[in-house]
Amino acid sequence: IEKDITLDISRRLAKKLKDRLGFDVTMTRQSDQYVSLGGRKDVANRLDADLFVSIHANAAKSKRPKGIETYYLKNSNDRATLRLANLENGVDMLIRGDVSTDADLSYILSDIIQGQKEADSIRAASHIQEALVGEAKSRYADVDDLGVKQGPFLVLDGTYMAAVLVETGFVSNSTEAKR
């Protein structure tokens, strides 16, 4: 049921983005076909997309959970450790008189790009969450805003652009599933 709901949402969103805003939208799937999580981000990377939005419908064992939430990729613990190690190694090289290598420069540039991508993803997630919740609340009084969160989602990892995952509601909640 999730695949049908999310495909329907994605089609309607793509049409609105094209018709109302003139955006160039590419969907990772056009029909009821399976595309791996890696395959989805590969499409976006290959097309050099500006934004990648992965649309999902949440589910829970209980039928009570409800609400909308938007995620961005966060690997800060690993990146912080690598950054610290790079700084420590860099200082040691300078003391010994070694010159930075191309690999060091590549890492620094990659780190800057990743930091900017994360900031852009947070901004996109915040705008999407606010707009989605606002629109839903204009139609239904009992919409729960679960907020913007960080998470290690495979579908977002490895994207070269701002990327977010939107949980549009809970299909396990009969009211939200109907919406």
N, C-alpha and C. Protein backbone atom coordinates (compact mmCIF):
# COMPACT_ATOMS: atom_id res chain seq x y z
N ILE A 1 0.83 -1.20 0.00
CA ILE A 1 0.00 0.00 0.00
C ILE A 1 0.88 1.27 0.00
N GLU A 2 2.02 1.23 0.74
CA GLU A 2 2.88 2.42 0.77
C GLU A 2 3.35 2.79 -0.63
N LYS A 3 3.76 1.79 -1.41
CA LYS A 3 4.29 2.09 -2.75
C LYS A 3 3.25 2.76 -3.63
N ASP A 4 1.98 2.38 -3.48
CA ASP A 4 0.91 2.99 -4.27
C ASP A 4 0.63 4.42 -3.81
N ILE A 5 0.60 4.60 -2.50
CA ILE A 5 0.33 5.93 -1.95
C ILE A 5 1.46 6.89 -2.32
N THR A 6 2.69 6.47 -2.12
CA THR A 6 3.82 7.38 -2.39
C THR A 6 3.97 7.68 -3.87
N LEU A 7 3.66 6.71 -4.72
CA LEU A 7 3.71 6.98 -6.17
C LEU A 7 2.64 8.01 -6.55
N ASP A 8 1.46 7.87 -5.98
CA ASP A 8 0.39 8.83 -6.25
C ASP A 8 0.78 10.24 -5.77
N ILE A 9 1.30 10.32 -4.56
CA ILE A 9 1.74 11.62 -4.02
C ILE A 9 2.83 12.20 -4.92
N SER A 10 3.79 11.38 -5.30
CA SER A 10 4.92 11.84 -6.12
C SER A 10 4.45 12.35 -7.48
N ARG A 11 3.53 11.65 -8.09
CA ARG A 11 3.01 12.09 -9.40
C ARG A 11 2.31 13.43 -9.28
N ARG A 12 1.47 13.58 -8.26
CA ARG A 12 0.74 14.84 -8.09
C ARG A 12 1.70 15.99 -7.76
N LEU A 13 2.70 15.71 -6.94
CA LEU A 13 3.69 16.73 -6.60
C LEU A 13 4.48 17.14 -7.83
N ALA A 14 4.93 16.17 -8.60
CA ALA A 14 5.70 16.48 -9.82
C ALA A 14 4.89 17.36 -10.76
N LYS A 15 3.63 17.05 -10.93
CA LYS A 15 2.76 17.84 -11.82
C LYS A 15 2.64 19.28 -11.31
N LYS A 16 2.43 19.43 -10.01
CA LYS A 16 2.32 20.79 -9.43
C LYS A 16 3.62 21.56 -9.59
N LEU A 17 4.74 20.92 -9.35
CA LEU A 17 6.03 21.60 -9.47
C LEU A 17 6.31 22.03 -10.90
N LYS A 18 5.92 21.20 -11.85
CA LYS A 18 6.10 21.53 -13.27
C LYS A 18 5.14 22.63 -13.70
N ASP A 19 3.85 22.44 -13.41
CA ASP A 19 2.82 23.36 -13.89
C ASP A 19 2.86 24.72 -13.20
N ARG A 20 3.00 24.72 -11.90
CA ARG A 20 2.93 25.98 -11.14
C ARG A 20 4.26 26.74 -11.07
N LEU A 21 5.35 26.00 -10.99
CA LEU A 21 6.65 26.65 -10.78
C LEU A 21 7.62 26.47 -11.94
N GLY A 22 7.25 25.66 -12.92
CA GLY A 22 8.11 25.45 -14.07
C GLY A 22 9.37 24.64 -13.77
N PHE A 23 9.36 23.87 -12.70
CA PHE A 23 10.52 23.06 -12.34
C PHE A 23 10.69 21.91 -13.32
N ASP A 24 11.93 21.51 -13.50
CA ASP A 24 12.26 20.31 -14.26
C ASP A 24 12.31 19.17 -13.24
N VAL A 25 11.35 18.27 -13.28
CA VAL A 25 11.21 17.21 -12.29
C VAL A 25 11.45 15.86 -12.95
N THR A 26 12.28 15.05 -12.32
CA THR A 26 12.50 13.68 -12.77
C THR A 26 12.14 12.76 -11.62
N MET A 27 11.30 11.80 -11.89
CA MET A 27 10.93 10.81 -10.87
C MET A 27 11.79 9.57 -11.06
N THR A 28 12.15 8.94 -9.95
CA THR A 28 12.98 7.74 -10.05
C THR A 28 12.18 6.52 -10.50
N ARG A 29 10.87 6.61 -10.36
CA ARG A 29 10.02 5.56 -10.92
C ARG A 29 8.73 6.20 -11.41
N GLN A 30 8.25 5.70 -12.54
CA GLN A 30 7.05 6.23 -13.17
C GLN A 30 5.85 5.30 -12.98
N SER A 31 6.11 4.06 -12.62
CA SER A 31 5.04 3.07 -12.51
C SER A 31 5.32 2.17 -11.32
N ASP A 32 4.49 1.14 -11.18
CA ASP A 32 4.62 0.21 -10.07
C ASP A 32 5.80 -0.73 -10.32
N GLN A 33 6.99 -0.18 -10.19
CA GLN A 33 8.21 -0.96 -10.36
C GLN A 33 9.11 -0.66 -9.17
N TYR A 34 9.95 -1.62 -8.82
CA TYR A 34 10.85 -1.44 -7.69
C TYR A 34 12.15 -0.81 -8.18
N VAL A 35 12.58 0.24 -7.48
CA VAL A 35 13.88 0.86 -7.71
C VAL A 35 14.61 0.84 -6.37
N SER A 36 15.78 0.26 -6.34
CA SER A 36 16.53 0.16 -5.09
C SER A 36 16.83 1.54 -4.52
N LEU A 37 17.11 1.60 -3.23
CA LEU A 37 17.45 2.87 -2.60
C LEU A 37 18.68 3.49 -3.27
N GLY A 38 19.68 2.65 -3.53
CA GLY A 38 20.88 3.14 -4.21
C GLY A 38 20.58 3.61 -5.62
N GLY A 39 19.70 2.88 -6.30
CA GLY A 39 19.31 3.27 -7.65
C GLY A 39 18.62 4.61 -7.71
N ARG A 40 17.86 4.93 -6.67
CA ARG A 40 17.16 6.21 -6.62
C ARG A 40 18.14 7.38 -6.54
N LYS A 41 19.10 7.25 -5.64
CA LYS A 41 20.07 8.35 -5.52
C LYS A 41 20.99 8.41 -6.74
N ASP A 42 21.24 7.26 -7.37
CA ASP A 42 22.06 7.24 -8.58
C ASP A 42 21.42 8.05 -9.69
N VAL A 43 20.08 7.97 -9.81
CA VAL A 43 19.36 8.75 -10.82
C VAL A 43 19.60 10.24 -10.57
N ALA A 44 19.43 10.66 -9.34
CA ALA A 44 19.60 12.07 -8.99
C ALA A 44 21.04 12.52 -9.24
N ASN A 45 22.00 11.70 -8.86
CA ASN A 45 23.40 12.06 -9.07
C ASN A 45 23.75 12.14 -10.55
N ARG A 46 23.26 11.18 -11.32
CA ARG A 46 23.54 11.14 -12.75
C ARG A 46 22.98 12.38 -13.46
N LEU A 47 21.84 12.85 -12.99
CA LEU A 47 21.20 14.02 -13.60
C LEU A 47 21.71 15.34 -13.03
N ASP A 48 22.62 15.24 -12.05
CA ASP A 48 23.15 16.44 -11.39
C ASP A 48 22.02 17.30 -10.84
N ALA A 49 21.09 16.66 -10.14
CA ALA A 49 19.91 17.34 -9.59
C ALA A 49 20.31 18.37 -8.54
N ASP A 50 19.45 19.36 -8.38
CA ASP A 50 19.65 20.39 -7.35
C ASP A 50 19.10 19.94 -6.01
N LEU A 51 18.06 19.11 -6.05
CA LEU A 51 17.40 18.66 -4.83
C LEU A 51 16.88 17.24 -5.05
N PHE A 52 17.04 16.40 -4.04
CA PHE A 52 16.53 15.03 -4.08
C PHE A 52 15.54 14.89 -2.93
N VAL A 53 14.29 14.53 -3.26
CA VAL A 53 13.26 14.33 -2.24
C VAL A 53 12.76 12.90 -2.36
N SER A 54 12.90 12.14 -1.30
CA SER A 54 12.43 10.77 -1.24
C SER A 54 11.14 10.75 -0.43
N ILE A 55 10.05 10.35 -1.05
CA ILE A 55 8.74 10.41 -0.41
C ILE A 55 8.36 9.03 0.10
N HIS A 56 7.98 8.98 1.37
CA HIS A 56 7.63 7.73 2.03
C HIS A 56 6.36 7.90 2.84
N ALA A 57 5.77 6.79 3.23
CA ALA A 57 4.66 6.77 4.17
C ALA A 57 5.10 5.91 5.35
N ASN A 58 4.98 6.46 6.52
CA ASN A 58 5.43 5.81 7.74
C ASN A 58 4.48 4.67 8.13
N ALA A 59 4.92 3.82 9.03
CA ALA A 59 4.08 2.74 9.57
C ALA A 59 4.57 2.40 10.97
N ALA A 60 3.66 1.89 11.76
CA ALA A 60 4.00 1.49 13.13
C ALA A 60 3.15 0.27 13.49
N LYS A 61 3.60 -0.47 14.49
CA LYS A 61 2.83 -1.64 14.93
C LYS A 61 1.48 -1.21 15.49
N SER A 62 1.49 -0.13 16.24
CA SER A 62 0.25 0.42 16.78
C SER A 62 -0.44 1.25 15.71
N LYS A 63 -1.75 1.34 15.78
CA LYS A 63 -2.49 2.14 14.80
C LYS A 63 -2.62 3.60 15.23
N ARG A 64 -2.10 3.96 16.40
CA ARG A 64 -2.27 5.32 16.92
C ARG A 64 -1.26 6.33 16.41
N PRO A 65 0.01 5.98 16.21
CA PRO A 65 0.95 7.02 15.78
C PRO A 65 0.49 7.71 14.50
N LYS A 66 0.70 9.03 14.46
CA LYS A 66 0.34 9.81 13.29
C LYS A 66 1.25 11.02 13.21
N GLY A 67 1.30 11.62 12.05
CA GLY A 67 2.07 12.84 11.90
C GLY A 67 3.00 12.82 10.70
N ILE A 68 3.51 14.00 10.42
CA ILE A 68 4.39 14.23 9.28
C ILE A 68 5.77 14.59 9.81
N GLU A 69 6.80 14.02 9.20
CA GLU A 69 8.18 14.35 9.60
C GLU A 69 9.07 14.32 8.37
N THR A 70 10.11 15.12 8.43
CA THR A 70 11.06 15.22 7.32
C THR A 70 12.46 15.03 7.87
N TYR A 71 13.25 14.25 7.16
CA TYR A 71 14.61 13.90 7.59
C TYR A 71 15.67 14.40 6.62
N TYR A 72 16.85 14.63 7.17
CA TYR A 72 18.05 14.88 6.37
C TYR A 72 19.13 13.95 6.89
N LEU A 73 20.12 13.69 6.06
CA LEU A 73 21.21 12.78 6.42
C LEU A 73 22.15 13.47 7.39
N LYS A 74 22.52 12.74 8.42
CA LYS A 74 23.47 13.28 9.39
C LYS A 74 24.45 12.20 9.79
N ASN A 75 25.69 12.41 9.47
CA ASN A 75 26.77 11.50 9.87
C ASN A 75 27.80 12.25 10.70
N SER A 76 27.35 13.15 11.53
CA SER A 76 28.26 14.06 12.21
C SER A 76 29.29 13.37 13.09
N ASN A 77 28.94 12.30 13.74
CA ASN A 77 29.92 11.64 14.61
C ASN A 77 31.11 11.14 13.81
N ASP A 78 30.85 10.49 12.71
CA ASP A 78 31.95 9.99 11.89
C ASP A 78 32.75 11.13 11.28
N ARG A 79 32.06 12.14 10.77
CA ARG A 79 32.74 13.27 10.13
C ARG A 79 33.58 14.04 11.15
N ALA A 80 33.05 14.21 12.35
CA ALA A 80 33.79 14.95 13.37
C ALA A 80 35.07 14.22 13.73
N THR A 81 34.99 12.92 13.85
CA THR A 81 36.18 12.14 14.18
C THR A 81 37.21 12.23 13.05
N LEU A 82 36.75 12.09 11.81
CA LEU A 82 37.66 12.19 10.67
C LEU A 82 38.27 13.59 10.57
N ARG A 83 37.47 14.61 10.81
CA ARG A 83 37.97 15.98 10.74
C ARG A 83 39.06 16.21 11.79
N LEU A 84 38.79 15.74 13.01
CA LEU A 84 39.78 15.88 14.08
C LEU A 84 41.07 15.16 13.72
N ALA A 85 40.95 13.95 13.22
CA ALA A 85 42.15 13.19 12.83
C ALA A 85 42.90 13.91 11.72
N ASN A 86 42.17 14.46 10.76
CA ASN A 86 42.82 15.19 9.67
C ASN A 86 43.56 16.42 10.19
N LEU A 87 42.95 17.13 11.13
CA LEU A 87 43.61 18.31 11.71
C LEU A 87 44.86 17.90 12.47
N GLU A 88 44.72 16.86 13.27
CA GLU A 88 45.88 16.38 14.03
C GLU A 88 47.00 15.96 13.09
N ASN A 89 46.69 15.20 12.06
CA ASN A 89 47.70 14.76 11.11
C ASN A 89 48.28 15.93 10.34
N GLY A 90 47.43 16.91 10.01
CA GLY A 90 47.89 18.09 9.29
C GLY A 90 48.91 18.88 10.09
N VAL A 91 48.65 19.04 11.38
CA VAL A 91 49.58 19.78 12.24
C VAL A 91 50.91 19.04 12.32
N ASP A 92 50.87 17.73 12.45
CA ASP A 92 52.09 16.94 12.51
C ASP A 92 52.90 17.08 11.23
N MET A 93 52.23 17.10 10.09
CA MET A 93 52.93 17.25 8.81
C MET A 93 53.58 18.62 8.71
N LEU A 94 52.91 19.65 9.18
CA LEU A 94 53.47 21.00 9.13
C LEU A 94 54.70 21.12 10.01
N ILE A 95 54.66 20.49 11.19
CA ILE A 95 55.80 20.54 12.09
C ILE A 95 57.01 19.86 11.47
N ARG A 96 56.76 18.73 10.75
CA ARG A 96 57.86 18.01 10.12
C ARG A 96 58.27 18.66 8.81
N GLY A 97 57.54 19.66 8.37
CA GLY A 97 57.89 20.34 7.14
C GLY A 97 57.30 19.71 5.91
N ASP A 98 56.38 18.72 6.09
CA ASP A 98 55.73 18.09 4.94
C ASP A 98 54.72 19.05 4.33
N VAL A 99 54.51 18.90 3.03
CA VAL A 99 53.55 19.73 2.33
C VAL A 99 52.26 18.93 2.15
N SER A 100 51.11 19.60 2.22
CA SER A 100 49.82 18.95 2.04
C SER A 100 49.77 18.26 0.68
N THR A 101 49.18 17.08 0.65
CA THR A 101 49.07 16.33 -0.59
C THR A 101 47.75 16.64 -1.28
N ASP A 102 47.63 16.20 -2.51
CA ASP A 102 46.37 16.36 -3.22
C ASP A 102 45.24 15.65 -2.48
N ALA A 103 45.54 14.53 -1.84
CA ALA A 103 44.52 13.80 -1.09
C ALA A 103 44.00 14.65 0.06
N ASP A 104 44.91 15.38 0.74
CA ASP A 104 44.48 16.26 1.83
C ASP A 104 43.56 17.35 1.29
N LEU A 105 43.93 17.95 0.17
CA LEU A 105 43.12 18.99 -0.44
C LEU A 105 41.77 18.43 -0.87
N SER A 106 41.78 17.25 -1.44
CA SER A 106 40.54 16.60 -1.86
C SER A 106 39.63 16.36 -0.66
N TYR A 107 40.21 15.92 0.46
CA TYR A 107 39.41 15.67 1.66
C TYR A 107 38.82 16.97 2.18
N ILE A 108 39.62 18.02 2.23
CA ILE A 108 39.15 19.32 2.73
C ILE A 108 38.02 19.84 1.86
N LEU A 109 38.18 19.77 0.54
CA LEU A 109 37.13 20.23 -0.36
C LEU A 109 35.86 19.38 -0.20
N SER A 110 36.04 18.08 -0.08
CA SER A 110 34.90 17.19 0.12
C SER A 110 34.17 17.53 1.41
N ASP A 111 34.92 17.82 2.46
CA ASP A 111 34.33 18.15 3.75
C ASP A 111 33.54 19.46 3.66
N ILE A 112 34.07 20.43 2.95
CA ILE A 112 33.37 21.71 2.77
C ILE A 112 32.07 21.48 2.00
N ILE A 113 32.14 20.70 0.93
CA ILE A 113 30.96 20.40 0.12
C ILE A 113 29.92 19.66 0.95
N GLN A 114 30.36 18.66 1.72
CA GLN A 114 29.43 17.90 2.56
C GLN A 114 28.76 18.80 3.58
N GLY A 115 29.52 19.71 4.17
CA GLY A 115 28.95 20.65 5.15
C GLY A 115 27.90 21.55 4.53
N GLN A 116 28.18 22.03 3.32
CA GLN A 116 27.21 22.88 2.63
C GLN A 116 25.99 22.08 2.21
N LYS A 117 26.21 20.85 1.75
CA LYS A 117 25.09 19.98 1.37
C LYS A 117 24.19 19.72 2.57
N GLU A 118 24.80 19.51 3.73
CA GLU A 118 24.00 19.28 4.94
C GLU A 118 23.20 20.52 5.30
N ALA A 119 23.83 21.69 5.23
CA ALA A 119 23.12 22.94 5.54
C ALA A 119 21.96 23.15 4.56
N ASP A 120 22.19 22.89 3.28
CA ASP A 120 21.13 23.01 2.28
C ASP A 120 20.02 22.00 2.53
N SER A 121 20.38 20.79 2.94
CA SER A 121 19.39 19.75 3.24
C SER A 121 18.54 20.13 4.44
N ILE A 122 19.16 20.70 5.45
CA ILE A 122 18.42 21.14 6.64
C ILE A 122 17.43 22.24 6.24
N ARG A 123 17.89 23.21 5.45
CA ARG A 123 17.01 24.29 4.99
C ARG A 123 15.85 23.74 4.17
N ALA A 124 16.15 22.85 3.23
CA ALA A 124 15.10 22.25 2.40
C ALA A 124 14.11 21.47 3.27
N ALA A 125 14.63 20.66 4.19
CA ALA A 125 13.77 19.87 5.07
C ALA A 125 12.85 20.77 5.89
N SER A 126 13.39 21.87 6.39
CA SER A 126 12.59 22.80 7.19
C SER A 126 11.47 23.43 6.37
N HIS A 127 11.80 23.88 5.16
CA HIS A 127 10.79 24.49 4.29
C HIS A 127 9.72 23.47 3.87
N ILE A 128 10.16 22.28 3.51
CA ILE A 128 9.21 21.24 3.09
C ILE A 128 8.30 20.86 4.25
N GLN A 129 8.87 20.65 5.42
CA GLN A 129 8.08 20.27 6.60
C GLN A 129 7.05 21.35 6.92
N GLU A 130 7.48 22.60 6.94
CA GLU A 130 6.57 23.70 7.26
C GLU A 130 5.44 23.80 6.23
N ALA A 131 5.77 23.70 4.95
CA ALA A 131 4.75 23.80 3.90
C ALA A 131 3.80 22.61 3.94
N LEU A 132 4.34 21.42 4.10
CA LEU A 132 3.51 20.22 4.11
C LEU A 132 2.56 20.21 5.30
N VAL A 133 3.07 20.53 6.47
CA VAL A 133 2.22 20.57 7.67
C VAL A 133 1.19 21.69 7.54
N GLY A 134 1.60 22.84 7.06
CA GLY A 134 0.67 23.96 6.88
C GLY A 134 -0.47 23.60 5.94
N GLU A 135 -0.13 22.98 4.81
CA GLU A 135 -1.16 22.57 3.85
C GLU A 135 -2.08 21.51 4.45
N ALA A 136 -1.51 20.55 5.14
CA ALA A 136 -2.33 19.49 5.75
C ALA A 136 -3.25 20.07 6.83
N LYS A 137 -2.73 21.00 7.63
CA LYS A 137 -3.55 21.61 8.69
C LYS A 137 -4.66 22.49 8.12
N SER A 138 -4.47 23.01 6.92
CA SER A 138 -5.53 23.81 6.31
C SER A 138 -6.70 22.93 5.89
N ARG A 139 -6.46 21.63 5.77
CA ARG A 139 -7.52 20.69 5.38
C ARG A 139 -8.04 19.85 6.54
N TYR A 140 -7.14 19.54 7.48
CA TYR A 140 -7.48 18.66 8.60
C TYR A 140 -6.98 19.28 9.89
N ALA A 141 -7.82 19.29 10.91
CA ALA A 141 -7.47 19.95 12.17
C ALA A 141 -6.48 19.16 13.02
N ASP A 142 -6.44 17.86 12.85
CA ASP A 142 -5.68 17.01 13.77
C ASP A 142 -4.34 16.52 13.21
N VAL A 143 -3.63 17.37 12.52
CA VAL A 143 -2.34 16.99 11.94
C VAL A 143 -1.23 17.20 12.96
N ASP A 144 -0.41 16.19 13.15
CA ASP A 144 0.72 16.30 14.08
C ASP A 144 2.00 16.64 13.31
N ASP A 145 2.67 17.68 13.74
CA ASP A 145 3.96 18.09 13.18
C ASP A 145 5.05 17.40 13.99
N LEU A 146 5.64 16.36 13.43
CA LEU A 146 6.69 15.62 14.13
C LEU A 146 8.07 16.23 13.92
N GLY A 147 8.15 17.26 13.08
CA GLY A 147 9.36 18.04 12.95
C GLY A 147 10.37 17.54 11.94
N VAL A 148 11.48 18.26 11.92
CA VAL A 148 12.63 17.93 11.07
C VAL A 148 13.62 17.18 11.94
N LYS A 149 14.11 16.07 11.42
CA LYS A 149 15.00 15.21 12.18
C LYS A 149 16.17 14.76 11.32
N GLN A 150 17.20 14.29 11.97
CA GLN A 150 18.34 13.74 11.25
C GLN A 150 18.31 12.23 11.35
N GLY A 151 18.82 11.58 10.32
CA GLY A 151 18.84 10.12 10.36
C GLY A 151 19.78 9.55 9.31
N PRO A 152 20.23 8.34 9.53
CA PRO A 152 21.17 7.68 8.62
C PRO A 152 20.46 6.87 7.53
N PHE A 153 19.70 7.55 6.69
CA PHE A 153 18.92 6.84 5.67
C PHE A 153 19.77 6.55 4.44
N LEU A 154 19.80 5.29 4.05
CA LEU A 154 20.59 4.84 2.91
C LEU A 154 20.23 5.59 1.63
N VAL A 155 18.96 5.89 1.44
CA VAL A 155 18.53 6.56 0.21
C VAL A 155 19.12 7.97 0.10
N LEU A 156 19.49 8.57 1.23
CA LEU A 156 20.07 9.92 1.22
C LEU A 156 21.60 9.90 1.18
N ASP A 157 22.18 8.82 1.65
CA ASP A 157 23.63 8.72 1.75
C ASP A 157 24.25 8.58 0.35
N GLY A 158 25.18 9.44 0.04
CA GLY A 158 25.85 9.35 -1.25
C GLY A 158 25.26 10.26 -2.31
N THR A 159 24.27 11.06 -1.93
CA THR A 159 23.74 12.04 -2.88
C THR A 159 24.70 13.22 -2.96
N TYR A 160 24.76 13.86 -4.12
CA TYR A 160 25.67 14.99 -4.33
C TYR A 160 24.94 16.32 -4.24
N MET A 161 23.72 16.31 -3.74
CA MET A 161 22.92 17.52 -3.67
C MET A 161 22.17 17.51 -2.35
N ALA A 162 21.47 18.62 -2.06
CA ALA A 162 20.59 18.63 -0.89
C ALA A 162 19.61 17.48 -1.04
N ALA A 163 19.39 16.75 0.05
CA ALA A 163 18.54 15.56 -0.02
C ALA A 163 17.74 15.42 1.26
N VAL A 164 16.45 15.10 1.09
CA VAL A 164 15.58 14.90 2.24
C VAL A 164 14.68 13.69 2.02
N LEU A 165 14.23 13.13 3.12
CA LEU A 165 13.28 12.04 3.11
C LEU A 165 12.04 12.54 3.85
N VAL A 166 10.88 12.48 3.20
CA VAL A 166 9.63 12.96 3.78
C VAL A 166 8.75 11.78 4.13
N GLU A 167 8.37 11.69 5.39
CA GLU A 167 7.39 10.71 5.85
C GLU A 167 6.05 11.44 5.87
N THR A 168 5.20 11.17 4.88
CA THR A 168 3.99 11.95 4.67
C THR A 168 2.88 11.66 5.67
N GLY A 169 3.00 10.62 6.43
CA GLY A 169 1.99 10.22 7.40
C GLY A 169 2.13 8.74 7.65
N PHE A 170 1.27 8.21 8.49
CA PHE A 170 1.34 6.80 8.86
C PHE A 170 0.25 6.00 8.14
N VAL A 171 0.66 5.06 7.28
CA VAL A 171 -0.32 4.21 6.63
C VAL A 171 -0.95 3.24 7.61
N SER A 172 -0.31 3.04 8.75
CA SER A 172 -0.87 2.17 9.78
C SER A 172 -1.98 2.86 10.57
N ASN A 173 -2.12 4.17 10.40
CA ASN A 173 -3.19 4.93 11.03
C ASN A 173 -4.29 5.09 9.98
N SER A 174 -5.46 4.54 10.24
CA SER A 174 -6.51 4.50 9.21
C SER A 174 -6.91 5.90 8.73
N THR A 175 -6.93 6.87 9.61
CA THR A 175 -7.30 8.23 9.21
C THR A 175 -6.27 8.81 8.24
N GLU A 176 -5.00 8.66 8.57
CA GLU A 176 -3.95 9.19 7.70
C GLU A 176 -3.86 8.40 6.39
N ALA A 177 -4.08 7.12 6.44
CA ALA A 177 -4.02 6.29 5.23
C ALA A 177 -5.09 6.75 4.23
N LYS A 178 -6.27 7.12 4.71
CA LYS A 178 -7.34 7.62 3.83
C LYS A 178 -6.98 8.95 3.21
N ARG A 179 -6.30 9.79 3.97
CA ARG A 179 -5.92 11.12 3.47
C ARG A 179 -4.94 11.00 2.35
